[in-house]
C-alpha atoms as a PDB file:
ATOM      1  CA  MET A   1    -106.490  53.023  23.483  1.00  0.00           C
ATOM      2  CA  SER A   2    -108.554  52.592  20.331  1.00  0.00           C
ATOM      3  CA  LYS A   3    -111.750  54.559  19.878  1.00  0.00           C
ATOM      4  CA  TYR A   4    -113.430  51.334  18.708  1.00  0.00           C
ATOM      5  CA  HIS A   5    -114.938  48.799  21.089  1.00  0.00           C
ATOM      6  CA  TYR A   6    -113.589  45.248  20.944  1.00  0.00           C
ATOM      7  CA  PRO A   7    -115.680  42.551  22.668  1.00  0.00           C
ATOM      8  CA  LYS A   8    -113.883  40.877  25.573  1.00  0.00           C
ATOM      9  CA  GLY A   9    -110.795  42.937  24.758  1.00  0.00           C
ATOM     10  CA  ASP A  10    -110.077  40.802  21.660  1.00  0.00           C
ATOM     11  CA  LYS A  11    -108.929  42.916  18.724  1.00  0.00           C
ATOM     12  CA  SER A  12    -108.559  39.876  16.464  1.00  0.00           C
ATOM     13  CA  LEU A  13    -112.251  39.071  15.989  1.00  0.00           C
ATOM     14  CA  SER A  14    -113.494  39.489  12.447  1.00  0.00           C
ATOM     15  CA  THR A  15    -116.201  42.068  11.905  1.00  0.00           C
ATOM     16  CA  TYR A  16    -118.846  41.613   9.229  1.00  0.00           C
ATOM     17  CA  MET A  17    -120.521  44.382   7.283  1.00  0.00           C
ATOM     18  CA  ILE A  18    -123.955  43.091   6.338  1.00  0.00           C
ATOM     19  CA  GLY A  19    -126.047  45.084   3.954  1.00  0.00           C
ATOM     20  CA  GLU A  20    -129.346  44.886   2.216  1.00  0.00           C
ATOM     21  CA  VAL A  21    -128.614  46.882  -0.902  1.00  0.00           C
ATOM     22  CA  ASN A  22    -131.431  47.232  -3.400  1.00  0.00           C
ATOM     23  CA  VAL A  23    -130.040  48.987  -6.468  1.00  0.00           C
ATOM     24  CA  ASN A  24    -132.494  51.364  -8.146  1.00  0.00           C
ATOM     25  CA  GLU A  25    -130.304  52.532 -11.035  1.00  0.00           C
ATOM     26  CA  PRO A  26    -127.999  49.667 -12.092  1.00  0.00           C
ATOM     27  CA  GLU A  27    -126.240  51.573 -14.887  1.00  0.00           C
ATOM     28  CA  LYS A  28    -125.225  54.385 -12.556  1.00  0.00           C
ATOM     29  CA  TYR A  29    -124.200  51.877  -9.857  1.00  0.00           C
ATOM     30  CA  LYS A  30    -121.791  49.847 -12.032  1.00  0.00           C
ATOM     31  CA  GLU A  31    -118.712  51.893 -11.158  1.00  0.00           C
ATOM     32  CA  TYR A  32    -119.468  51.473  -7.432  1.00  0.00           C
ATOM     33  CA  LEU A  33    -119.413  47.690  -7.905  1.00  0.00           C
ATOM     34  CA  THR A  34    -115.986  47.921  -9.538  1.00  0.00           C
ATOM     35  CA  GLU A  35    -114.273  50.518  -7.367  1.00  0.00           C
ATOM     36  CA  VAL A  36    -115.472  49.814  -3.810  1.00  0.00           C
ATOM     37  CA  PRO A  37    -113.967  46.289  -3.626  1.00  0.00           C
ATOM     38  CA  LYS A  38    -110.572  47.825  -4.467  1.00  0.00           C
ATOM     39  CA  ILE A  39    -110.936  50.330  -1.626  1.00  0.00           C
ATOM     40  CA  SER A  40    -112.239  47.809   0.917  1.00  0.00           C
ATOM     41  CA  ALA A  41    -109.371  45.415   0.063  1.00  0.00           C
ATOM     42  CA  LYS A  42    -106.950  48.012   1.416  1.00  0.00           C
ATOM     43  CA  PHE A  43    -108.615  47.407   4.803  1.00  0.00           C
ATOM     44  CA  GLY A  44    -108.320  43.623   4.559  1.00  0.00           C
ATOM     45  CA  ALA A  45    -111.908  43.116   3.408  1.00  0.00           C
ATOM     46  CA  LYS A  46    -113.121  39.905   1.823  1.00  0.00           C
ATOM     47  CA  TYR A  47    -116.511  39.674   0.091  1.00  0.00           C
ATOM     48  CA  LEU A  48    -118.389  36.592   1.304  1.00  0.00           C
ATOM     49  CA  VAL A  49    -121.792  37.340  -0.256  1.00  0.00           C
ATOM     50  CA  ARG A  50    -122.493  39.755  -3.066  1.00  0.00           C
ATOM     51  CA  GLY A  51    -125.965  39.543  -4.511  1.00  0.00           C
ATOM     52  CA  GLY A  52    -126.459  35.765  -4.646  1.00  0.00           C
ATOM     53  CA  ASP A  53    -129.809  33.985  -4.822  1.00  0.00           C
ATOM     54  CA  ILE A  54    -131.998  34.540  -1.768  1.00  0.00           C
ATOM     55  CA  THR A  55    -134.651  32.247  -0.343  1.00  0.00           C
ATOM     56  CA  ILE A  56    -136.865  33.436   2.487  1.00  0.00           C
ATOM     57  CA  HIS A  57    -137.584  30.906   5.211  1.00  0.00           C
ATOM     58  CA  GLU A  58    -138.903  32.930   8.142  1.00  0.00           C
ATOM     59  CA  GLY A  59    -140.263  36.366   8.842  1.00  0.00           C
ATOM     60  CA  SER A  60    -141.287  39.220   6.597  1.00  0.00           C
ATOM     61  CA  TRP A  61    -137.831  40.422   5.518  1.00  0.00           C
ATOM     62  CA  LYS A  62    -137.695  40.356   1.695  1.00  0.00           C
ATOM     63  CA  PRO A  63    -134.343  41.713   0.547  1.00  0.00           C
ATOM     64  CA  GLN A  64    -133.630  41.823  -3.173  1.00  0.00           C
ATOM     65  CA  ARG A  65    -129.859  41.826  -2.714  1.00  0.00           C
ATOM     66  CA  VAL A  66    -127.582  41.075   0.252  1.00  0.00           C
ATOM     67  CA  VAL A  67    -123.887  41.826   0.702  1.00  0.00           C
ATOM     68  CA  VAL A  68    -121.642  40.394   3.441  1.00  0.00           C
ATOM     69  CA  ILE A  69    -118.076  41.656   3.752  1.00  0.00           C
ATOM     70  CA  GLU A  70    -115.603  40.269   6.284  1.00  0.00           C
ATOM     71  CA  PHE A  71    -113.042  42.645   7.814  1.00  0.00           C
ATOM     72  CA  PRO A  72    -110.138  41.460   9.969  1.00  0.00           C
ATOM     73  CA  ASN A  73    -111.442  43.467  12.951  1.00  0.00           C
ATOM     74  CA  ARG A  74    -113.809  46.253  14.011  1.00  0.00           C
ATOM     75  CA  LYS A  75    -111.200  48.983  13.563  1.00  0.00           C
ATOM     76  CA  ALA A  76    -110.530  48.040   9.943  1.00  0.00           C
ATOM     77  CA  ALA A  77    -114.277  47.935   9.220  1.00  0.00           C
ATOM     78  CA  MET A  78    -114.882  51.348  10.767  1.00  0.00           C
ATOM     79  CA  ASP A  79    -111.799  52.883   9.157  1.00  0.00           C
ATOM     80  CA  PHE A  80    -113.120  51.731   5.771  1.00  0.00           C
ATOM     81  CA  TYR A  81    -116.729  52.810   6.342  1.00  0.00           C
ATOM     82  CA  ASN A  82    -115.887  56.203   7.851  1.00  0.00           C
ATOM     83  CA  GLY A  83    -112.843  56.847   5.671  1.00  0.00           C
ATOM     84  CA  SER A  84    -112.364  59.635   3.174  1.00  0.00           C
ATOM     85  CA  GLU A  85    -111.676  57.209   0.316  1.00  0.00           C
ATOM     86  CA  TYR A  86    -115.059  55.490   0.687  1.00  0.00           C
ATOM     87  CA  ALA A  87    -117.036  58.689   1.438  1.00  0.00           C
ATOM     88  CA  PRO A  88    -117.824  59.648  -2.181  1.00  0.00           C
ATOM     89  CA  TRP A  89    -118.848  56.072  -2.957  1.00  0.00           C
ATOM     90  CA  LYS A  90    -121.130  55.970   0.061  1.00  0.00           C
ATOM     91  CA  LYS A  91    -122.897  59.025  -1.405  1.00  0.00           C
ATOM     92  CA  ILE A  92    -123.308  57.181  -4.703  1.00  0.00           C
ATOM     93  CA  ARG A  93    -124.787  54.173  -2.877  1.00  0.00           C
ATOM     94  CA  HIS A  94    -127.219  56.464  -1.068  1.00  0.00           C
ATOM     95  CA  GLU A  95    -128.224  58.107  -4.352  1.00  0.00           C
ATOM     96  CA  TYR A  96    -128.684  55.012  -6.523  1.00  0.00           C
ATOM     97  CA  ALA A  97    -129.689  52.298  -4.038  1.00  0.00           C
ATOM     98  CA  ASP A  98    -131.805  51.774  -0.946  1.00  0.00           C
ATOM     99  CA  SER A  99    -129.610  50.239   1.695  1.00  0.00           C
ATOM    100  CA  LYS A 100    -129.546  49.085   5.277  1.00  0.00           C
ATOM    101  CA  ILE A 101    -126.089  48.416   6.715  1.00  0.00           C
ATOM    102  CA  ILE A 102    -125.057  46.809  10.009  1.00  0.00           C
ATOM    103  CA  PHE A 103    -121.741  45.689  11.474  1.00  0.00           C
ATOM    104  CA  VAL A 104    -121.481  42.599  13.658  1.00  0.00           C
ATOM    105  CA  ASP A 105    -118.469  41.009  15.314  1.00  0.00           C
ATOM    106  CA  GLY A 106    -117.767  37.322  14.759  1.00  0.00           C
ATOM    107  CA  VAL A 107    -117.018  34.685  17.349  1.00  0.00           C
END
Protein backbone atom coordinates (compact mmCIF):
# COMPACT_ATOMS: atom_id res chain seq x y z
CA MET A 1 0.00 0.00 0.00
CA SER A 2 1.28 3.45 -0.91
CA LYS A 3 2.20 5.91 1.81
CA TYR A 4 0.27 8.59 -0.12
CA HIS A 5 -3.47 9.10 0.23
CA TYR A 6 -5.57 8.82 -2.93
CA PRO A 7 -9.13 10.19 -2.75
CA LYS A 8 -11.80 7.53 -3.24
CA GLY A 9 -9.05 4.99 -3.88
CA ASP A 10 -8.35 6.48 -7.34
CA LYS A 11 -4.63 6.64 -8.08
CA SER A 12 -5.21 8.17 -11.51
CA LEU A 13 -6.36 11.63 -10.41
CA SER A 14 -4.03 14.43 -11.38
CA THR A 15 -2.49 16.40 -8.55
CA TYR A 16 -1.69 20.09 -8.92
CA MET A 17 1.16 21.91 -7.24
CA ILE A 18 0.03 25.51 -6.85
CA GLY A 19 2.52 28.07 -5.71
CA GLU A 20 2.73 31.74 -5.08
CA VAL A 21 6.38 32.37 -5.78
CA ASN A 22 7.60 35.93 -5.43
CA VAL A 23 11.21 36.04 -6.60
CA ASN A 24 13.41 38.44 -4.64
CA GLU A 25 16.68 37.92 -6.53
CA PRO A 26 15.90 37.18 -10.20
CA GLU A 27 19.53 36.81 -11.31
CA LYS A 28 20.23 34.15 -8.70
CA TYR A 29 16.92 32.41 -9.47
CA LYS A 30 17.49 32.01 -13.23
CA GLU A 31 19.12 28.58 -12.98
CA TYR A 32 16.17 27.32 -10.88
CA LEU A 33 13.81 28.32 -13.70
CA THR A 34 15.88 26.32 -16.18
CA GLU A 35 16.71 23.21 -14.16
CA VAL A 36 13.57 22.47 -12.11
CA PRO A 37 11.31 21.88 -15.16
CA LYS A 38 13.78 19.20 -16.32
CA ILE A 39 13.59 17.48 -12.93
CA SER A 40 9.81 17.74 -12.60
CA ALA A 41 9.36 16.33 -16.13
CA LYS A 42 10.90 13.08 -14.91
CA PHE A 43 7.83 12.79 -12.65
CA GLY A 44 5.38 13.47 -15.48
CA ALA A 45 4.91 17.14 -14.59
CA LYS A 46 3.38 19.64 -16.97
CA TYR A 47 3.54 23.40 -16.31
CA LEU A 48 0.09 24.95 -16.76
CA VAL A 49 0.83 28.42 -15.34
CA ARG A 50 4.23 29.97 -14.86
CA GLY A 51 4.19 33.63 -13.99
CA GLY A 52 1.48 34.91 -16.35
CA ASP A 53 -0.48 38.13 -15.92
CA ILE A 54 -2.64 38.20 -12.79
CA THR A 55 -5.85 40.11 -12.20
CA ILE A 56 -7.41 40.19 -8.76
CA HIS A 57 -11.18 39.88 -8.63
CA GLU A 58 -12.00 38.99 -5.03
CA GLY A 59 -10.35 39.02 -1.65
CA SER A 60 -7.09 40.45 -0.41
CA TRP A 61 -4.68 37.92 -1.95
CA LYS A 62 -2.17 39.84 -4.11
CA PRO A 63 0.36 37.40 -5.53
CA GLN A 64 3.07 38.76 -7.81
CA ARG A 65 3.68 35.41 -9.50
CA VAL A 66 1.74 32.13 -9.59
CA VAL A 67 2.88 28.69 -10.74
CA VAL A 68 0.59 25.70 -11.40
CA ILE A 69 2.15 22.34 -12.22
CA GLU A 70 0.09 19.26 -13.07
CA PHE A 71 1.39 15.84 -11.97
CA PRO A 72 -0.17 12.56 -13.11
CA ASN A 73 -1.03 11.64 -9.50
CA ARG A 74 -0.33 12.44 -5.84
CA LYS A 75 2.54 9.96 -5.59
CA ALA A 76 4.42 11.52 -8.50
CA ALA A 77 3.92 15.01 -7.03
CA MET A 78 5.18 13.97 -3.60
CA ASP A 79 8.08 11.96 -5.02
CA PHE A 80 9.17 15.08 -6.92
CA TYR A 81 8.69 17.52 -4.04
CA ASN A 82 10.31 15.32 -1.38
CA GLY A 83 12.94 13.83 -3.68
CA SER A 84 16.69 14.17 -3.39
CA GLU A 85 17.02 15.62 -6.90
CA TYR A 86 14.73 18.57 -6.11
CA ALA A 87 16.03 19.12 -2.55
CA PRO A 88 18.91 21.48 -3.43
CA TRP A 89 16.64 23.49 -5.72
CA LYS A 90 14.02 23.79 -3.01
CA LYS A 91 16.73 25.38 -0.83
CA ILE A 92 17.50 27.84 -3.62
CA ARG A 93 13.80 28.73 -3.90
CA HIS A 94 13.64 29.30 -0.15
CA GLU A 95 16.73 31.51 -0.28
CA TYR A 96 15.86 33.69 -3.28
CA ALA A 97 12.04 33.77 -3.26
CA ASP A 98 9.11 33.99 -0.88
CA SER A 99 6.81 31.11 -1.62
CA LYS A 100 3.64 29.41 -0.52
CA ILE A 101 3.05 25.95 -1.98
CA ILE A 102 -0.01 23.70 -1.83
CA PHE A 103 -0.97 20.43 -3.50
CA VAL A 104 -4.55 19.71 -4.54
CA ASP A 105 -6.04 16.69 -6.27
CA GLY A 106 -8.13 17.18 -9.41
CA VAL A 107 -11.53 15.75 -10.18
